[in-house]
Protein backbone atom coordinates (compact mmCIF):
# COMPACT_ATOMS: atom_id res chain seq x y z
CA UNK A 1 -17.51 -5.18 -42.24
CA UNK A 2 -14.66 -4.24 -41.21
CA UNK A 3 -12.09 -2.70 -44.09
CA UNK A 4 -10.25 -4.90 -46.43
CA UNK A 5 -6.18 -4.13 -46.21
CA UNK A 6 -5.00 -2.86 -48.92
CA UNK A 7 -4.50 -6.16 -51.73
CA UNK A 8 -6.34 -8.07 -50.30
CA UNK A 9 -8.46 -8.20 -52.93
CA UNK A 10 -5.83 -8.55 -54.99
CA UNK A 11 -4.71 -12.01 -53.47
CA UNK A 12 -8.17 -12.74 -52.93
CA UNK A 13 -8.81 -13.30 -56.85
CA UNK A 14 -5.26 -14.97 -56.93
CA UNK A 15 -6.69 -17.59 -54.91
CA UNK A 16 -10.10 -18.27 -56.31
CA UNK A 17 -7.52 -18.36 -59.76
CA UNK A 18 -5.10 -21.12 -57.64
CA UNK A 19 -8.47 -22.53 -56.47
CA UNK A 20 -9.99 -23.33 -59.89
CA UNK A 21 -9.95 -26.10 -62.43
CA UNK A 22 -6.53 -27.71 -62.62
CA UNK A 23 -4.26 -25.72 -64.98
CA UNK A 24 -1.62 -28.82 -66.23
CA UNK A 25 -3.66 -29.63 -69.30
CA UNK A 26 -3.46 -25.98 -70.53
CA UNK A 27 0.22 -25.46 -69.21
CA UNK A 28 1.22 -27.98 -71.43
CA UNK A 29 -1.24 -27.23 -74.09
CA UNK A 30 0.13 -23.82 -74.22
CA UNK A 31 3.83 -25.69 -74.57
CA UNK A 32 3.39 -27.97 -77.54
CA UNK A 33 1.72 -24.54 -79.21
CA UNK A 34 5.39 -22.67 -78.09
CA UNK A 35 6.91 -25.40 -79.08
CA UNK A 36 5.37 -25.82 -83.00
CA UNK A 37 6.06 -21.34 -83.10
CA UNK A 38 10.23 -22.61 -81.66
CA UNK A 39 10.31 -25.33 -84.65
CA UNK A 40 8.85 -22.58 -87.13
CA UNK A 41 11.35 -20.25 -85.47
CA UNK A 42 14.30 -22.72 -86.11
CA UNK A 43 13.73 -23.65 -89.45
CA UNK A 44 13.48 -20.31 -90.09
CA UNK A 45 17.34 -19.95 -88.97
CA UNK A 46 18.70 -23.44 -90.27
CA UNK A 47 17.25 -21.71 -93.79
CA UNK A 48 19.30 -18.60 -92.89
CA UNK A 49 22.00 -19.19 -91.38
CA UNK A 50 22.62 -23.39 -90.87
CA UNK A 51 23.65 -26.21 -93.34
CA UNK A 52 19.37 -26.64 -95.64
CA UNK A 53 19.41 -29.58 -97.30
CA UNK A 54 16.45 -31.18 -99.51
CA UNK A 55 16.85 -34.23 -100.97
CA UNK A 56 14.00 -36.55 -102.78
CA UNK A 57 11.37 -34.90 -100.84
CA UNK A 58 12.68 -34.82 -97.37
CA UNK A 59 13.91 -31.31 -95.49
CA UNK A 60 16.92 -31.87 -93.34
CA UNK A 61 18.24 -29.08 -90.38
CA UNK A 62 21.43 -28.87 -89.05
CA UNK A 63 22.54 -26.24 -87.06
CA UNK A 64 26.59 -26.74 -86.04
CA UNK A 65 28.73 -25.14 -83.16
CA UNK A 66 28.14 -21.27 -83.06
CA UNK A 67 24.38 -20.86 -84.50
CA UNK A 68 22.93 -23.76 -82.54
CA UNK A 69 23.12 -21.17 -79.75
CA UNK A 70 21.98 -18.43 -81.53
CA UNK A 71 18.70 -19.98 -81.36
CA UNK A 72 18.98 -21.04 -78.04
CA UNK A 73 19.27 -17.10 -77.41
CA UNK A 74 15.71 -16.51 -79.64
CA UNK A 75 14.25 -19.49 -77.87
CA UNK A 76 15.22 -17.63 -74.31
CA UNK A 77 14.25 -14.32 -75.95
CA UNK A 78 10.63 -15.84 -76.79
CA UNK A 79 10.18 -16.75 -73.23
CA UNK A 80 11.57 -13.82 -71.74
CA UNK A 81 10.08 -10.71 -73.81
CA UNK A 82 7.08 -11.94 -74.61
CA UNK A 83 5.63 -12.82 -70.58
CA UNK A 84 8.02 -9.72 -69.49
CA UNK A 85 6.21 -7.65 -71.78
CA UNK A 86 2.62 -9.11 -71.34
CA UNK A 87 3.48 -11.85 -69.15
CA UNK A 88 2.33 -14.46 -71.61
CA UNK A 89 4.07 -16.41 -74.63
CA UNK A 90 1.87 -17.71 -77.63
CA UNK A 91 0.68 -20.90 -76.04
CA UNK A 92 0.10 -19.14 -73.07
CA UNK A 93 -2.15 -16.17 -74.36
CA UNK A 94 -3.84 -18.69 -76.61
CA UNK A 95 -5.23 -20.93 -74.09
CA UNK A 96 -6.23 -18.41 -70.83
CA UNK A 97 -3.24 -18.61 -69.29
CA UNK A 98 -0.05 -16.02 -67.87
CA UNK A 99 3.00 -15.79 -65.20
CA UNK A 100 2.50 -13.60 -61.60
CA UNK A 101 3.76 -12.93 -59.00
CA UNK A 102 3.34 -15.16 -56.34
CA UNK A 103 0.85 -12.69 -54.43
CA UNK A 104 -0.95 -12.03 -58.39
CA UNK A 105 0.86 -8.77 -58.80
CA UNK A 106 2.43 -8.99 -62.19
CA UNK A 107 5.93 -10.00 -62.45
CA UNK A 108 8.59 -8.52 -62.29
CA UNK A 109 10.99 -8.36 -64.21
CA UNK A 110 13.54 -10.05 -63.19
CA UNK A 111 11.23 -12.18 -62.53
CA UNK A 112 11.18 -13.28 -65.10
CA UNK A 113 14.31 -13.76 -66.18
CA UNK A 114 15.36 -15.81 -63.51
CA UNK A 115 12.07 -18.20 -64.35
CA UNK A 116 12.91 -17.83 -68.46
CA UNK A 117 17.06 -18.70 -67.83
CA UNK A 118 15.74 -22.02 -65.16
CA UNK A 119 14.06 -23.18 -68.55
CA UNK A 120 17.75 -24.64 -69.22
CA UNK A 121 17.08 -26.64 -66.39
CA UNK A 122 13.82 -28.30 -67.67
CA UNK A 123 15.73 -28.97 -71.26
CA UNK A 124 18.56 -31.82 -69.34
CA UNK A 125 17.23 -34.76 -70.61
CA UNK A 126 17.26 -35.90 -66.21
CA UNK A 127 16.16 -33.71 -65.10
CA UNK A 128 12.93 -31.88 -67.52
CA UNK A 129 12.21 -35.63 -65.24
CA UNK A 130 12.39 -33.78 -62.71
CA UNK A 131 11.06 -30.40 -63.01
CA UNK A 132 7.36 -32.62 -64.19
CA UNK A 133 8.16 -34.35 -60.58
CA UNK A 134 8.37 -31.01 -59.37
CA UNK A 135 4.54 -29.62 -61.01
CA UNK A 136 2.90 -31.94 -60.31
CA UNK A 137 3.43 -32.66 -56.42
CA UNK A 138 3.26 -28.50 -56.32
CA UNK A 139 -0.39 -29.02 -56.08
CA UNK A 140 -3.60 -27.08 -58.22
CA UNK A 141 -0.71 -24.48 -58.40
CA UNK A 142 1.37 -26.52 -60.98
CA UNK A 143 4.84 -24.92 -60.71
CA UNK A 144 8.01 -25.30 -62.20
CA UNK A 145 11.35 -25.24 -60.81
CA UNK A 146 11.64 -21.72 -62.86
CA UNK A 147 8.80 -20.80 -61.12
CA UNK A 148 9.66 -22.04 -57.67
CA UNK A 149 13.23 -19.88 -57.76
CA UNK A 150 11.57 -17.13 -59.37
CA UNK A 151 8.77 -16.68 -57.06
CA UNK A 152 6.06 -16.63 -59.52
CA UNK A 153 2.48 -18.76 -61.06
CA UNK A 154 0.74 -19.44 -63.82
CA UNK A 155 -2.74 -18.82 -63.17
CA UNK A 156 -5.25 -18.28 -65.47
CA UNK A 157 -5.76 -15.34 -67.66
CA UNK A 158 -9.25 -13.79 -66.53
């Protein structure tokens, strides 16, 4: 039996994860959990520095001018910091997913910064549809534009 080249076990394990069950359902679920977390952050920020109004049992929150940029920055920090430290946002952690480099090694900080900044592209209405199509055509890997550019993948954490 030939000895395995260094790193091949990691690639084999990574390949097995990629060939596993389709990740799209868990990625969507993780995204929904992360949106819920960001909604709580938005309400907190709007209630703290924005304009809030409660009338007849209905609450209204608004961020104006630079306040919206504060929320956008917090959202990018939420994704970037979580994925840079552990490879996971709360949504990914709860659904057993993590971000790794293409070769299966932990994603580097620079890769996380790239994929986090490209989340902005995913939020532009027309490009959101493009991003979803890209995720569908990347096969079982279900990579979004940020993953392709940053050379990362989202895989099962186990």
